[in-house]
């Protein structure tokens, strides 16, 4: 009977261990699922934060790019404006010289026609 009793004790002991291990595994599995859910939530938040940060970076980059384009355009416009003023001043000077030359030619023609009234004007 001792052997049978030892076998029963061993069987009961194994059953207790299996039940205890099973309970522990269920608890660990539950904790693991909780941790997994928490990690998934953290991952989703981190992903959203990363996407938001990337969007802000893109918006900042685009704004900086537009600012650079405006700055370059502004510099080009200033340079073009300066060139146009220089060209306008040169054209005004040429126009003044041409006007003076034309007036001088007309005066000479009038003087010639008064001095030589017999010469026919074209």
Protein backbone atom coordinates (compact mmCIF):
# COMPACT_ATOMS: atom_id res chain seq x y z
CA UNK A 1 0.00 0.00 0.00
CA UNK A 2 2.83 2.27 0.57
CA UNK A 3 3.68 2.14 -3.08
CA UNK A 4 0.11 2.83 -4.05
CA UNK A 5 -0.03 5.65 -1.58
CA UNK A 6 3.23 7.07 -2.92
CA UNK A 7 1.89 6.87 -6.47
CA UNK A 8 -1.30 8.66 -5.40
CA UNK A 9 0.75 11.32 -3.63
CA UNK A 10 2.96 11.73 -6.70
CA UNK A 11 -0.08 11.92 -8.96
CA UNK A 12 -1.74 14.45 -6.71
CA UNK A 13 1.50 16.39 -6.48
CA UNK A 14 1.87 16.45 -10.27
CA UNK A 15 -1.76 17.48 -10.65
CA UNK A 16 -1.17 20.33 -8.21
CA UNK A 17 1.95 21.39 -10.09
CA UNK A 18 0.14 21.23 -13.44
CA UNK A 19 -2.76 23.24 -12.03
CA UNK A 20 -0.38 25.70 -10.40
CA UNK A 21 1.68 26.02 -13.59
CA UNK A 22 -1.51 26.43 -15.59
CA UNK A 23 -2.73 29.22 -13.30
CA UNK A 24 0.68 30.90 -13.49
CA UNK A 25 0.73 30.61 -17.28
CA UNK A 26 -2.78 32.05 -17.53
CA UNK A 27 -1.71 34.97 -15.31
CA UNK A 28 1.48 35.52 -17.35
CA UNK A 29 -0.50 35.32 -20.59
CA UNK A 30 -2.94 37.90 -19.25
CA UNK A 31 -0.08 40.18 -18.21
CA UNK A 32 1.58 39.64 -21.58
CA UNK A 33 -1.64 40.60 -23.39
CA UNK A 34 -2.00 43.68 -21.18
CA UNK A 35 1.62 44.62 -21.88
CA UNK A 36 1.11 43.98 -25.59
CA UNK A 37 -1.98 46.19 -25.63
CA UNK A 38 -0.10 48.92 -23.76
CA UNK A 39 2.85 48.64 -26.14
CA UNK A 40 0.52 48.77 -29.14
CA UNK A 41 -1.10 51.91 -27.74
CA UNK A 42 2.30 53.49 -27.05
CA UNK A 43 3.44 52.51 -30.54
CA UNK A 44 0.33 54.10 -32.07
CA UNK A 45 0.87 57.30 -30.08
CA UNK A 46 4.54 57.39 -31.02
CA UNK A 47 3.65 56.78 -34.64
CA UNK A 48 1.08 59.60 -34.58
CA UNK A 49 3.62 61.90 -32.92
CA UNK A 50 6.22 60.97 -35.52
CA UNK A 51 3.79 61.59 -38.38
CA UNK A 52 2.84 64.96 -36.84
CA UNK A 53 6.52 65.86 -36.43
CA UNK A 54 7.25 64.86 -40.03
CA UNK A 55 4.30 66.93 -41.26
CA UNK A 56 5.53 69.94 -39.25
CA UNK A 57 9.01 69.43 -40.69
CA UNK A 58 7.60 69.29 -44.21
CA UNK A 59 5.49 72.39 -43.60
CA UNK A 60 8.53 74.20 -42.14
CA UNK A 61 10.68 73.08 -45.07
CA UNK A 62 8.06 74.24 -47.54
CA UNK A 63 7.72 77.59 -45.75
CA UNK A 64 11.51 77.97 -45.70
CA UNK A 65 11.65 77.04 -49.36
CA UNK A 66 8.98 79.63 -50.20
CA UNK A 67 10.85 82.21 -48.11
CA UNK A 68 14.06 81.42 -50.03
CA UNK A 69 12.25 81.72 -53.35
CA UNK A 70 10.74 85.05 -52.24
CA UNK A 71 14.18 86.24 -51.12
CA UNK A 72 15.79 85.23 -54.42
CA UNK A 73 12.89 86.75 -56.37
CA UNK A 74 13.18 89.91 -54.30
CA UNK A 75 16.92 90.14 -54.98
CA UNK A 76 16.35 89.54 -58.69
CA UNK A 77 13.62 92.17 -58.77
CA UNK A 78 15.86 94.68 -57.02
CA UNK A 79 18.65 93.92 -59.50
CA UNK A 80 16.24 94.15 -62.46
CA UNK A 81 14.79 97.38 -61.11
CA UNK A 82 18.29 98.82 -60.77
CA UNK A 83 19.11 97.77 -64.35
CA UNK A 84 15.87 99.28 -65.62
CA UNK A 85 16.61 102.57 -63.84
CA UNK A 86 20.09 102.60 -65.37
CA UNK A 87 18.64 101.80 -68.81
CA UNK A 88 15.92 104.44 -68.36
CA UNK A 89 18.48 107.05 -67.36
CA UNK A 90 20.65 106.16 -70.38
CA UNK A 91 17.62 106.31 -72.69
CA UNK A 92 16.57 109.66 -71.22
CA UNK A 93 20.08 111.00 -71.83
CA UNK A 94 20.08 109.68 -75.40
CA UNK A 95 16.60 111.13 -75.92
CA UNK A 96 17.76 114.52 -74.61
CA UNK A 97 20.79 114.47 -76.90
CA UNK A 98 18.65 113.45 -79.87
CA UNK A 99 16.17 116.20 -79.07
CA UNK A 100 18.96 118.74 -78.79
CA UNK A 101 20.41 117.54 -82.08
CA UNK A 102 16.99 117.67 -83.77
CA UNK A 103 16.33 121.18 -82.43
CA UNK A 104 19.78 122.30 -83.59
CA UNK A 105 19.12 120.83 -87.05
CA UNK A 106 15.72 122.55 -87.26
CA UNK A 107 17.21 125.87 -86.11
CA UNK A 108 19.97 125.51 -88.71
CA UNK A 109 17.34 124.79 -91.37
CA UNK A 110 15.29 127.84 -90.32
CA UNK A 111 18.38 130.03 -90.26
CA UNK A 112 19.42 128.75 -93.67
CA UNK A 113 15.96 129.36 -95.08
CA UNK A 114 15.90 132.90 -93.67
CA UNK A 115 19.39 133.62 -94.95
CA UNK A 116 18.61 132.04 -98.32
CA UNK A 117 14.94 132.70 -98.92
CA UNK A 118 15.34 131.56 -102.50
CA UNK A 119 16.15 127.97 -101.46
CA UNK A 120 13.09 125.76 -101.56
CA UNK A 121 12.28 123.73 -98.49
CA UNK A 122 11.64 120.05 -98.95
